[in-house]
Amino acid sequence: MFVLGEHGQEGEVRQPPAFVELDELCFDPGSGATPEWREVARQALNFFPRKSTHLP
């Protein structure tokens, strides 16, 4: 399996995969998103109209 993202020591993914949904990055505490990724996702949600992000 190929996983996009930056890898740290022992293979842990330090950046979320590209296919993770923005709302998951923002609001799911189990997503493992860093505060920086949460902020990027929040800004993207504000920038893109909801129908283009496929959110309910």
Protein backbone atom coordinates (compact mmCIF):
# COMPACT_ATOMS: atom_id res chain seq x y z
CA MET A 1 0.00 0.00 0.00
CA PHE A 2 1.25 3.47 -0.88
CA VAL A 3 0.63 6.22 1.66
CA LEU A 4 1.17 9.87 0.84
CA GLY A 5 2.72 11.97 3.55
CA GLU A 6 5.93 12.74 5.32
CA HIS A 7 7.31 9.85 7.35
CA GLY A 8 9.23 10.18 10.61
CA GLN A 9 11.24 7.65 12.53
CA GLU A 10 9.93 4.08 12.64
CA GLY A 11 7.63 4.75 9.67
CA GLU A 12 4.91 6.77 11.39
CA VAL A 13 3.13 9.13 9.02
CA ARG A 14 3.73 12.72 10.11
CA GLN A 15 1.38 14.26 7.55
CA PRO A 16 -2.14 13.00 6.91
CA PRO A 17 -2.75 11.22 3.60
CA ALA A 18 -3.99 13.46 0.79
CA PHE A 19 -7.34 11.67 0.56
CA VAL A 20 -8.45 12.44 4.14
CA GLU A 21 -11.57 14.61 4.13
CA LEU A 22 -11.22 18.19 5.35
CA ASP A 23 -13.96 17.88 7.96
CA GLU A 24 -12.21 14.83 9.41
CA LEU A 25 -8.96 16.79 9.73
CA CYS A 26 -10.77 19.66 11.44
CA PHE A 27 -13.12 17.91 13.79
CA ASP A 28 -12.08 14.28 14.37
CA PRO A 29 -9.73 14.06 17.38
CA GLY A 30 -8.81 10.53 16.30
CA SER A 31 -7.52 11.70 12.91
CA GLY A 32 -4.06 12.35 14.35
CA ALA A 33 -3.93 15.73 12.61
CA THR A 34 -1.49 18.21 14.08
CA PRO A 35 -2.72 21.71 14.99
CA GLU A 36 -1.06 22.99 11.81
CA TRP A 37 -3.00 20.50 9.63
CA ARG A 38 -6.22 21.36 11.45
CA GLU A 39 -5.68 25.05 10.63
CA VAL A 40 -4.93 24.29 6.96
CA ALA A 41 -8.11 22.20 6.76
CA ARG A 42 -10.17 24.96 8.44
CA GLN A 43 -8.85 27.53 5.96
CA ALA A 44 -9.60 25.22 3.03
CA LEU A 45 -13.16 24.64 4.27
CA ASN A 46 -13.64 28.41 4.42
CA PHE A 47 -12.13 28.90 0.96
CA PHE A 48 -13.97 26.19 -0.99
CA PRO A 49 -17.76 26.17 -1.26
CA ARG A 50 -19.31 23.23 0.59
CA LYS A 51 -20.65 21.56 -2.56
CA SER A 52 -17.16 21.43 -4.08
CA THR A 53 -15.85 19.68 -0.95
CA HIS A 54 -18.75 17.14 -0.98
CA LEU A 55 -19.73 17.88 2.61
CA PRO A 56 -23.36 17.62 3.77
